[in-house]
């Protein structure tokens, strides 16, 4: 009798370990999807907010006039950052890059106009918004030209949209697959105790009373699996940071916190839901069906 109890206890422990590992692997994949989506969104904003719009002024634009325009631009809702480049600064940069003074060929007159380099908030970094933004910038006095890389902006937005769609499809598919895997694993664990479930039902135990310990155990295993999954994901992020420290530009603490919380959320919800469904399946069976299952 003691050997049978030990065997049953060991088998139950092995089933719990299998469930924990299987759930942890699924949660790692779900965590990677959440992490990729959030990081991709931040990367999208980072790329868009580093696309430069150049505002060129006429030659007779003075520095005080340009500074006044910059103050006005700072109040516009679509502006993220402004970098004013004076005619003198442009000349210095040209001398440094060319190795000669271009003013020597124009009778000492500085041939470079002053300009302003603008970066926009990510919501406005698309060609549709840039058309009316360009029209708004042209309304300022002594503005000769507004330039930006239309093809690059269009390509960036198209690529980011495709990546976002792929991640969304993967997230949906992985959610269904993970639910199926966890459900089957939990069902196999409950299968070995189907006669105990039927016995409790015969002595008058309510479905809620029978179901409660199974759901509780599954949730505890889900929490343990989520903890393990978060440790693995954390080690992965740390290794990625050691390889490329620049990832902190778009992998923020908010991204890590949401990813960690999502893994725990999925660990609790999926195991509780799958356990509830599996127990209900055996509760609905009659005595003869338990042998044929």
Protein backbone atom coordinates (compact mmCIF):
# COMPACT_ATOMS: atom_id res chain seq x y z
CA UNK A 1 0.00 0.00 0.00
CA UNK A 2 2.82 2.35 0.88
CA UNK A 3 4.56 1.63 -2.41
CA UNK A 4 1.36 2.43 -4.34
CA UNK A 5 1.02 5.72 -2.50
CA UNK A 6 4.62 6.62 -3.18
CA UNK A 7 4.20 5.68 -6.83
CA UNK A 8 1.05 7.80 -7.13
CA UNK A 9 2.74 10.69 -5.34
CA UNK A 10 5.81 10.47 -7.59
CA UNK A 11 3.69 10.27 -10.73
CA UNK A 12 1.65 13.28 -9.62
CA UNK A 13 4.85 15.18 -8.92
CA UNK A 14 6.18 14.30 -12.37
CA UNK A 15 2.92 15.47 -13.95
CA UNK A 16 3.15 18.75 -12.04
CA UNK A 17 6.75 19.22 -13.17
CA UNK A 18 5.77 18.49 -16.78
CA UNK A 19 2.89 20.96 -16.57
CA UNK A 20 5.14 23.61 -15.03
CA UNK A 21 7.83 23.23 -17.72
CA UNK A 22 5.31 23.11 -20.59
CA UNK A 23 3.49 26.18 -19.28
CA UNK A 24 6.77 28.02 -18.75
CA UNK A 25 7.85 27.38 -22.35
CA UNK A 26 4.52 28.66 -23.65
CA UNK A 27 4.71 31.72 -21.39
CA UNK A 28 8.23 32.46 -22.64
CA UNK A 29 6.89 32.55 -26.20
CA UNK A 30 3.96 34.76 -25.16
CA UNK A 31 6.34 37.02 -23.24
CA UNK A 32 8.55 37.33 -26.32
CA UNK A 33 5.55 38.39 -28.39
CA UNK A 34 4.51 41.02 -25.83
CA UNK A 35 8.12 42.22 -25.53
CA UNK A 36 8.50 42.40 -29.32
CA UNK A 37 5.26 44.32 -29.78
CA UNK A 38 6.06 46.89 -27.09
CA UNK A 39 9.70 47.25 -28.15
CA UNK A 40 8.65 47.48 -31.79
CA UNK A 41 6.23 50.29 -30.95
CA UNK A 42 8.96 52.20 -29.12
CA UNK A 43 11.40 51.53 -31.96
CA UNK A 44 8.81 52.81 -34.43
CA UNK A 45 8.41 56.03 -32.44
CA UNK A 46 12.19 56.37 -32.11
CA UNK A 47 12.74 55.98 -35.86
CA UNK A 48 9.93 58.35 -36.77
CA UNK A 49 11.06 60.98 -34.28
CA UNK A 50 14.57 60.95 -35.76
CA UNK A 51 13.40 61.75 -39.29
CA UNK A 52 14.55 65.30 -40.00
CA UNK A 53 12.55 68.06 -41.69
CA UNK A 54 14.79 70.93 -42.84
CA UNK A 55 13.44 74.47 -42.99
CA UNK A 56 15.63 76.71 -45.16
CA UNK A 57 15.56 80.54 -44.79
CA UNK A 58 16.31 83.30 -47.25
CA UNK A 59 19.78 84.83 -47.32
CA UNK A 60 18.58 88.05 -45.69
CA UNK A 61 17.18 86.25 -42.63
CA UNK A 62 18.88 87.58 -39.49
CA UNK A 63 19.65 85.53 -36.39
CA UNK A 64 17.17 87.43 -34.15
CA UNK A 65 14.39 86.88 -36.71
CA UNK A 66 15.25 83.19 -36.96
CA UNK A 67 15.32 82.82 -33.17
CA UNK A 68 11.87 84.40 -32.97
CA UNK A 69 10.54 81.86 -35.47
CA UNK A 70 12.10 79.04 -33.43
CA UNK A 71 10.27 80.26 -30.31
CA UNK A 72 7.04 80.22 -32.28
CA UNK A 73 7.73 76.71 -33.61
CA UNK A 74 8.33 75.38 -30.08
CA UNK A 75 4.66 76.07 -29.33
CA UNK A 76 3.38 73.91 -32.20
CA UNK A 77 1.94 70.57 -31.13
CA UNK A 78 3.67 68.54 -33.84
CA UNK A 79 7.23 69.67 -33.01
CA UNK A 80 9.41 67.41 -30.85
CA UNK A 81 12.81 69.08 -31.17
CA UNK A 82 14.31 72.11 -32.94
CA UNK A 83 17.92 72.62 -33.97
CA UNK A 84 18.73 76.08 -35.36
CA UNK A 85 21.77 76.28 -37.66
CA UNK A 86 22.99 79.82 -38.31
CA UNK A 87 24.76 80.93 -41.48
CA UNK A 88 28.03 81.19 -39.55
CA UNK A 89 27.69 77.64 -38.24
CA UNK A 90 26.89 76.32 -41.72
CA UNK A 91 30.02 78.04 -43.08
CA UNK A 92 32.20 76.54 -40.33
CA UNK A 93 30.89 73.05 -41.03
CA UNK A 94 31.49 73.54 -44.77
CA UNK A 95 35.07 74.68 -44.20
CA UNK A 96 35.69 71.69 -41.95
CA UNK A 97 34.29 69.19 -44.43
CA UNK A 98 35.68 70.78 -47.63
CA UNK A 99 39.02 71.93 -46.27
CA UNK A 100 38.59 75.37 -47.86
CA UNK A 101 36.47 78.47 -47.33
CA UNK A 102 33.65 78.68 -49.91
CA UNK A 103 33.32 82.43 -49.17
CA UNK A 104 36.62 82.97 -51.01
CA UNK A 105 34.79 82.19 -54.27
CA UNK A 106 31.88 84.56 -53.55
CA UNK A 107 33.80 87.75 -52.76
CA UNK A 108 33.71 87.09 -49.02
CA UNK A 109 29.93 86.62 -48.93
CA UNK A 110 28.68 83.64 -46.96
CA UNK A 111 26.83 81.49 -49.53
CA UNK A 112 25.04 79.36 -46.95
CA UNK A 113 21.60 80.33 -45.62
CA UNK A 114 20.50 79.72 -42.05
CA UNK A 115 18.18 76.79 -41.46
CA UNK A 116 16.22 74.89 -38.84
CA UNK A 117 16.23 71.11 -38.48
CA UNK A 118 12.97 69.82 -37.04
CA UNK A 119 12.07 66.43 -35.66
CA UNK A 120 8.37 65.68 -35.35
CA UNK A 121 6.38 63.68 -32.84
CA UNK A 122 5.89 60.12 -34.07
CA UNK A 123 2.16 60.58 -34.78
CA UNK A 124 2.97 63.26 -37.34
CA UNK A 125 5.94 61.53 -39.03
CA UNK A 126 4.08 60.40 -42.13
CA UNK A 127 3.70 61.90 -45.59
CA UNK A 128 0.03 62.82 -45.13
CA UNK A 129 0.76 64.89 -42.03
CA UNK A 130 3.95 66.31 -43.51
CA UNK A 131 2.06 67.81 -46.44
CA UNK A 132 0.00 70.14 -44.26
CA UNK A 133 2.90 70.66 -41.84
CA UNK A 134 5.03 71.77 -44.79
CA UNK A 135 2.28 74.18 -45.82
CA UNK A 136 2.14 75.56 -42.26
CA UNK A 137 5.92 76.05 -42.16
CA UNK A 138 5.86 77.90 -45.49
CA UNK A 139 3.62 80.54 -43.89
CA UNK A 140 6.51 81.80 -41.78
CA UNK A 141 8.36 84.81 -43.24
CA UNK A 142 11.51 84.36 -45.33
CA UNK A 143 11.15 80.59 -45.61
CA UNK A 144 12.61 79.53 -48.94
CA UNK A 145 12.26 75.73 -48.84
CA UNK A 146 11.01 72.82 -46.77
CA UNK A 147 12.77 69.51 -47.41
CA UNK A 148 12.31 66.00 -46.05
CA UNK A 149 12.92 62.50 -47.36
CA UNK A 150 9.50 61.50 -48.66
CA UNK A 151 10.56 58.11 -49.98
CA UNK A 152 12.38 57.21 -46.77
CA UNK A 153 9.42 58.20 -44.58
CA UNK A 154 7.03 56.19 -46.76
CA UNK A 155 9.31 53.16 -46.68
CA UNK A 156 9.80 53.36 -42.90
CA UNK A 157 6.05 53.57 -42.27
CA UNK A 158 5.27 50.70 -44.66
CA UNK A 159 7.92 48.44 -43.11
CA UNK A 160 6.79 49.24 -39.57
CA UNK A 161 3.16 48.54 -40.53
CA UNK A 162 4.14 45.15 -42.00
CA UNK A 163 6.15 44.23 -38.91
CA UNK A 164 3.25 45.23 -36.66
CA UNK A 165 0.82 43.10 -38.69
CA UNK A 166 3.12 40.06 -38.55
CA UNK A 167 3.52 40.39 -34.77
CA UNK A 168 -0.26 40.74 -34.34
CA UNK A 169 -0.93 37.57 -36.36
CA UNK A 170 1.76 35.69 -34.42
CA UNK A 171 0.29 36.86 -31.11
CA UNK A 172 -3.20 35.63 -32.06
CA UNK A 173 -1.96 32.27 -33.35
CA UNK A 174 0.33 31.75 -30.36
CA UNK A 175 -2.51 32.51 -27.94
CA UNK A 176 -4.65 29.76 -29.48
CA UNK A 177 -1.75 27.31 -29.62
CA UNK A 178 -0.71 28.03 -26.03
CA UNK A 179 -4.28 27.59 -24.79
CA UNK A 180 -4.47 24.23 -26.56
CA UNK A 181 -1.11 23.02 -25.22
CA UNK A 182 -1.77 24.07 -21.64
CA UNK A 183 -5.30 22.67 -21.78
CA UNK A 184 -4.11 19.26 -22.98
CA UNK A 185 -1.33 19.15 -20.39
CA UNK A 186 -3.71 20.00 -17.53
CA UNK A 187 -6.29 17.54 -18.82
CA UNK A 188 -3.74 14.73 -18.74
CA UNK A 189 -2.91 15.62 -15.14
CA UNK A 190 -6.57 15.57 -14.11
CA UNK A 191 -7.24 12.38 -16.09
CA UNK A 192 -5.41 10.23 -13.52
CA UNK A 193 -7.74 11.57 -10.80
CA UNK A 194 -11.01 11.19 -12.71
CA UNK A 195 -12.24 8.39 -10.43
CA UNK A 196 -11.57 10.54 -7.35
CA UNK A 197 -13.65 13.28 -8.96
CA UNK A 198 -16.49 10.83 -9.59
CA UNK A 199 -16.31 9.48 -6.02
CA UNK A 200 -16.56 12.99 -4.56
CA UNK A 201 -19.51 13.66 -6.82
CA UNK A 202 -21.26 10.47 -5.59
CA UNK A 203 -20.92 11.45 -1.91
CA UNK A 204 -22.65 14.76 -2.63
CA UNK A 205 -19.77 17.21 -3.04
CA UNK A 206 -20.68 20.27 -5.10
CA UNK A 207 -18.97 20.94 -8.42
CA UNK A 208 -17.43 24.08 -7.00
CA UNK A 209 -15.96 22.17 -4.03
CA UNK A 210 -14.50 19.52 -6.36
CA UNK A 211 -13.20 22.03 -8.86
CA UNK A 212 -11.55 24.40 -6.36
CA UNK A 213 -8.39 22.40 -5.44
CA UNK A 214 -7.67 21.56 -9.09
CA UNK A 215 -7.94 25.20 -10.14
CA UNK A 216 -5.86 26.32 -7.13
CA UNK A 217 -3.09 23.82 -7.90
CA UNK A 218 -3.09 24.78 -11.58
CA UNK A 219 -2.86 28.50 -10.75
CA UNK A 220 0.04 27.88 -8.34
CA UNK A 221 1.86 25.94 -11.05
CA UNK A 222 1.03 28.76 -13.47
CA UNK A 223 2.58 31.31 -11.10
CA UNK A 224 5.69 29.14 -10.71
CA UNK A 225 5.92 28.73 -14.49
CA UNK A 226 5.48 32.50 -14.96
CA UNK A 227 8.28 33.17 -12.48
CA UNK A 228 10.58 30.80 -14.35
CA UNK A 229 9.57 32.33 -17.71
CA UNK A 230 10.29 35.85 -16.44
CA UNK A 231 13.72 34.77 -15.19
CA UNK A 232 14.54 33.33 -18.62
CA UNK A 233 13.27 36.47 -20.39
CA UNK A 234 15.18 38.70 -17.96
CA UNK A 235 18.39 36.80 -18.64
CA UNK A 236 17.75 37.17 -22.37
CA UNK A 237 17.27 40.94 -22.08
CA UNK A 238 20.41 41.23 -19.93
CA UNK A 239 22.43 39.28 -22.51
CA UNK A 240 21.03 41.50 -25.26
CA UNK A 241 21.97 44.60 -23.28
CA UNK A 242 25.54 43.35 -22.83
CA UNK A 243 25.74 42.76 -26.57
CA UNK A 244 24.16 46.10 -27.53
CA UNK A 245 23.67 48.69 -24.72
CA UNK A 246 21.81 50.94 -27.16
CA UNK A 247 18.68 48.78 -26.86
CA UNK A 248 17.75 50.79 -23.74
CA UNK A 249 16.68 53.51 -26.18
CA UNK A 250 13.49 51.59 -26.91
CA UNK A 251 13.53 48.78 -24.32
CA UNK A 252 12.37 50.85 -21.36
CA UNK A 253 11.50 49.85 -17.81
CA UNK A 254 7.83 50.23 -18.77
CA UNK A 255 8.29 47.61 -21.49
CA UNK A 256 9.95 45.21 -19.05
CA UNK A 257 7.30 45.79 -16.37
CA UNK A 258 4.39 45.25 -18.78
CA UNK A 259 6.05 42.13 -20.21
CA UNK A 260 6.63 40.70 -16.73
CA UNK A 261 3.06 41.50 -15.67
CA UNK A 262 1.65 40.00 -18.88
CA UNK A 263 3.51 36.74 -18.30
CA UNK A 264 2.07 36.43 -14.79
CA UNK A 265 -1.39 37.40 -16.10
CA UNK A 266 -1.30 34.76 -18.84
CA UNK A 267 0.10 32.21 -16.40
CA UNK A 268 -2.84 32.70 -14.02
CA UNK A 269 -5.63 33.11 -16.56
CA UNK A 270 -4.65 30.30 -18.94
CA UNK A 271 -4.05 27.70 -16.21
CA UNK A 272 -7.20 28.64 -14.28
CA UNK A 273 -9.36 28.60 -17.41
CA UNK A 274 -7.91 25.35 -18.76
CA UNK A 275 -8.20 23.64 -15.37
CA UNK A 276 -11.80 24.78 -14.98
CA UNK A 277 -12.74 23.46 -18.44
CA UNK A 278 -10.96 20.12 -17.91
CA UNK A 279 -12.52 19.44 -14.51
CA UNK A 280 -15.97 20.31 -15.82
CA UNK A 281 -15.45 17.79 -18.63
CA UNK A 282 -14.88 14.97 -16.14
CA UNK A 283 -17.66 16.19 -13.86
CA UNK A 284 -20.16 15.80 -16.71
CA UNK A 285 -19.12 12.19 -17.38
CA UNK A 286 -21.10 9.25 -16.15
CA UNK A 287 -19.46 6.27 -14.45
CA UNK A 288 -19.33 4.15 -17.61
CA UNK A 289 -17.74 6.92 -19.63
CA UNK A 290 -14.77 7.13 -17.25
CA UNK A 291 -13.56 3.72 -18.46
CA UNK A 292 -14.01 4.51 -22.13
CA UNK A 293 -12.28 7.92 -22.04
